């Protein structure tokens, strides 16, 4: 009985070690999506930074909770990966959507005469 519990604990720890680098990418994607998804303003980024901080704390909390649950319920291991890959996909989708919506840049320089 003790060997089985230790097996599941070590298995969950191994998966957590595989997920950890993905969490780093997830945190970067959350931060980039928060900062690049809106207009650039010195005053308007506080709310986005706070939202990104809450999102990162939520992902980290879920990661720790899922690792703990995966020791007791091994079928929850895939959720550890979903918790890490989900924010990466969502963050990149928000960044791509933002860049597709932006108008093309206005050329800077002297006006050219047509004709």
C-alpha atoms as a PDB file:
ATOM      1  CA  UNK A   1       0.000   0.000   0.000  1.00  0.00           C
ATOM      2  CA  UNK A   2       2.794   2.405   0.882  1.00  0.00           C
ATOM      3  CA  UNK A   3       4.681   1.528  -2.315  1.00  0.00           C
ATOM      4  CA  UNK A   4       1.610   2.324  -4.430  1.00  0.00           C
ATOM      5  CA  UNK A   5       1.157   5.726  -2.757  1.00  0.00           C
ATOM      6  CA  UNK A   6       4.834   6.493  -3.221  1.00  0.00           C
ATOM      7  CA  UNK A   7       4.593   5.470  -6.886  1.00  0.00           C
ATOM      8  CA  UNK A   8       1.725   7.882  -7.548  1.00  0.00           C
ATOM      9  CA  UNK A   9       3.493  10.654  -5.659  1.00  0.00           C
ATOM     10  CA  UNK A  10       6.685  10.195  -7.676  1.00  0.00           C
ATOM     11  CA  UNK A  11       4.697   9.944 -10.900  1.00  0.00           C
ATOM     12  CA  UNK A  12       2.915  13.235 -10.197  1.00  0.00           C
ATOM     13  CA  UNK A  13       6.249  14.853  -9.314  1.00  0.00           C
ATOM     14  CA  UNK A  14       7.734  13.640 -12.589  1.00  0.00           C
ATOM     15  CA  UNK A  15       4.888  15.105 -14.587  1.00  0.00           C
ATOM     16  CA  UNK A  16       5.204  18.370 -12.653  1.00  0.00           C
ATOM     17  CA  UNK A  17       8.866  18.537 -13.652  1.00  0.00           C
ATOM     18  CA  UNK A  18       7.852  18.120 -17.280  1.00  0.00           C
ATOM     19  CA  UNK A  19       5.137  20.768 -16.967  1.00  0.00           C
ATOM     20  CA  UNK A  20       7.318  23.387 -15.235  1.00  0.00           C
ATOM     21  CA  UNK A  21       9.027  24.671 -18.430  1.00  0.00           C
ATOM     22  CA  UNK A  22       5.599  24.948 -20.068  1.00  0.00           C
ATOM     23  CA  UNK A  23       4.407  27.052 -17.131  1.00  0.00           C
ATOM     24  CA  UNK A  24       7.265  29.470 -17.778  1.00  0.00           C
ATOM     25  CA  UNK A  25       6.061  29.869 -21.368  1.00  0.00           C
ATOM     26  CA  UNK A  26       2.483  30.222 -20.120  1.00  0.00           C
ATOM     27  CA  UNK A  27       3.468  33.063 -17.781  1.00  0.00           C
ATOM     28  CA  UNK A  28       5.300  34.805 -20.619  1.00  0.00           C
ATOM     29  CA  UNK A  29       2.288  34.394 -22.924  1.00  0.00           C
ATOM     30  CA  UNK A  30      -0.035  35.821 -20.267  1.00  0.00           C
ATOM     31  CA  UNK A  31       2.230  38.830 -19.723  1.00  0.00           C
ATOM     32  CA  UNK A  32       2.670  39.500 -23.441  1.00  0.00           C
ATOM     33  CA  UNK A  33      -1.038  39.142 -24.129  1.00  0.00           C
ATOM     34  CA  UNK A  34      -1.852  41.551 -21.314  1.00  0.00           C
ATOM     35  CA  UNK A  35       0.638  44.184 -22.396  1.00  0.00           C
ATOM     36  CA  UNK A  36       0.318  43.896 -26.174  1.00  0.00           C
ATOM     37  CA  UNK A  37      -3.451  43.502 -26.424  1.00  0.00           C
ATOM     38  CA  UNK A  38      -4.350  47.111 -25.748  1.00  0.00           C
ATOM     39  CA  UNK A  39      -3.353  50.623 -26.643  1.00  0.00           C
ATOM     40  CA  UNK A  40      -0.051  51.918 -25.373  1.00  0.00           C
ATOM     41  CA  UNK A  41      -0.673  54.437 -22.643  1.00  0.00           C
ATOM     42  CA  UNK A  42       1.355  55.355 -19.595  1.00  0.00           C
ATOM     43  CA  UNK A  43      -1.797  55.473 -17.490  1.00  0.00           C
ATOM     44  CA  UNK A  44      -3.830  52.632 -18.962  1.00  0.00           C
ATOM     45  CA  UNK A  45      -1.740  49.557 -18.196  1.00  0.00           C
ATOM     46  CA  UNK A  46      -2.316  49.179 -14.452  1.00  0.00           C
ATOM     47  CA  UNK A  47      -5.505  47.179 -14.874  1.00  0.00           C
ATOM     48  CA  UNK A  48      -3.967  44.905 -17.510  1.00  0.00           C
ATOM     49  CA  UNK A  49      -0.897  44.265 -15.347  1.00  0.00           C
ATOM     50  CA  UNK A  50      -3.144  43.455 -12.381  1.00  0.00           C
ATOM     51  CA  UNK A  51      -5.230  41.109 -14.539  1.00  0.00           C
ATOM     52  CA  UNK A  52      -2.092  39.350 -15.784  1.00  0.00           C
ATOM     53  CA  UNK A  53      -0.837  38.974 -12.217  1.00  0.00           C
ATOM     54  CA  UNK A  54      -4.130  37.435 -11.109  1.00  0.00           C
ATOM     55  CA  UNK A  55      -4.114  35.107 -14.132  1.00  0.00           C
ATOM     56  CA  UNK A  56      -0.553  33.968 -13.393  1.00  0.00           C
ATOM     57  CA  UNK A  57      -1.344  33.399  -9.726  1.00  0.00           C
ATOM     58  CA  UNK A  58      -4.407  31.377 -10.737  1.00  0.00           C
ATOM     59  CA  UNK A  59      -2.410  29.196 -13.128  1.00  0.00           C
ATOM     60  CA  UNK A  60       0.284  28.633 -10.493  1.00  0.00           C
ATOM     61  CA  UNK A  61      -2.301  27.805  -7.818  1.00  0.00           C
ATOM     62  CA  UNK A  62      -4.053  25.391 -10.170  1.00  0.00           C
ATOM     63  CA  UNK A  63      -0.711  23.792 -10.997  1.00  0.00           C
ATOM     64  CA  UNK A  64       0.088  23.145  -7.343  1.00  0.00           C
ATOM     65  CA  UNK A  65      -3.428  21.903  -6.660  1.00  0.00           C
ATOM     66  CA  UNK A  66      -3.428  19.584  -9.649  1.00  0.00           C
ATOM     67  CA  UNK A  67      -0.083  18.125  -8.647  1.00  0.00           C
ATOM     68  CA  UNK A  68      -1.472  17.382  -5.206  1.00  0.00           C
ATOM     69  CA  UNK A  69      -4.658  15.888  -6.659  1.00  0.00           C
ATOM     70  CA  UNK A  70      -2.716  13.821  -9.211  1.00  0.00           C
ATOM     71  CA  UNK A  71      -1.051  11.932  -6.361  1.00  0.00           C
ATOM     72  CA  UNK A  72      -4.485  10.824  -5.154  1.00  0.00           C
ATOM     73  CA  UNK A  73      -6.296  10.606  -8.508  1.00  0.00           C
ATOM     74  CA  UNK A  74      -3.771   9.666 -11.231  1.00  0.00           C
ATOM     75  CA  UNK A  75      -6.298  10.194 -14.023  1.00  0.00           C
ATOM     76  CA  UNK A  76      -6.002  13.972 -13.424  1.00  0.00           C
ATOM     77  CA  UNK A  77      -2.446  14.094 -14.777  1.00  0.00           C
ATOM     78  CA  UNK A  78      -3.573  15.349 -18.238  1.00  0.00           C
ATOM     79  CA  UNK A  79      -5.125  18.377 -16.526  1.00  0.00           C
ATOM     80  CA  UNK A  80      -1.640  19.388 -15.422  1.00  0.00           C
ATOM     81  CA  UNK A  81      -0.659  19.697 -19.071  1.00  0.00           C
ATOM     82  CA  UNK A  82      -3.892  21.438 -20.050  1.00  0.00           C
ATOM     83  CA  UNK A  83      -3.326  23.948 -17.250  1.00  0.00           C
ATOM     84  CA  UNK A  84       0.077  24.785 -18.750  1.00  0.00           C
ATOM     85  CA  UNK A  85      -0.718  24.644 -22.466  1.00  0.00           C
ATOM     86  CA  UNK A  86      -4.087  26.417 -22.264  1.00  0.00           C
ATOM     87  CA  UNK A  87      -2.701  29.845 -21.275  1.00  0.00           C
ATOM     88  CA  UNK A  88      -0.039  29.575 -23.983  1.00  0.00           C
ATOM     89  CA  UNK A  89      -2.641  28.968 -26.694  1.00  0.00           C
ATOM     90  CA  UNK A  90      -5.013  31.632 -25.362  1.00  0.00           C
ATOM     91  CA  UNK A  91      -2.228  34.190 -24.933  1.00  0.00           C
ATOM     92  CA  UNK A  92      -0.857  33.650 -28.421  1.00  0.00           C
ATOM     93  CA  UNK A  93      -4.369  33.796 -29.890  1.00  0.00           C
ATOM     94  CA  UNK A  94      -4.973  37.143 -28.177  1.00  0.00           C
ATOM     95  CA  UNK A  95      -1.681  38.496 -29.479  1.00  0.00           C
ATOM     96  CA  UNK A  96      -2.383  37.354 -33.044  1.00  0.00           C
ATOM     97  CA  UNK A  97      -5.930  38.728 -32.926  1.00  0.00           C
ATOM     98  CA  UNK A  98      -4.659  42.077 -31.675  1.00  0.00           C
ATOM     99  CA  UNK A  99      -2.071  42.362 -34.432  1.00  0.00           C
ATOM    100  CA  UNK A 100      -4.628  41.465 -37.096  1.00  0.00           C
ATOM    101  CA  UNK A 101      -6.983  44.216 -35.908  1.00  0.00           C
ATOM    102  CA  UNK A 102      -4.387  46.995 -35.924  1.00  0.00           C
ATOM    103  CA  UNK A 103      -4.418  49.401 -38.863  1.00  0.00           C
ATOM    104  CA  UNK A 104      -1.324  49.496 -41.053  1.00  0.00           C
ATOM    105  CA  UNK A 105       1.317  51.978 -39.911  1.00  0.00           C
ATOM    106  CA  UNK A 106       1.260  55.439 -41.408  1.00  0.00           C
ATOM    107  CA  UNK A 107       4.432  56.097 -43.409  1.00  0.00           C
ATOM    108  CA  UNK A 108       6.598  58.872 -42.023  1.00  0.00           C
ATOM    109  CA  UNK A 109       8.382  61.174 -44.405  1.00  0.00           C
ATOM    110  CA  UNK A 110       7.759  63.900 -46.939  1.00  0.00           C
ATOM    111  CA  UNK A 111       4.590  63.563 -48.967  1.00  0.00           C
ATOM    112  CA  UNK A 112       5.085  62.319 -52.506  1.00  0.00           C
ATOM    113  CA  UNK A 113       3.342  63.892 -55.463  1.00  0.00           C
ATOM    114  CA  UNK A 114       1.204  61.611 -57.561  1.00  0.00           C
ATOM    115  CA  UNK A 115       1.299  62.096 -61.257  1.00  0.00           C
END
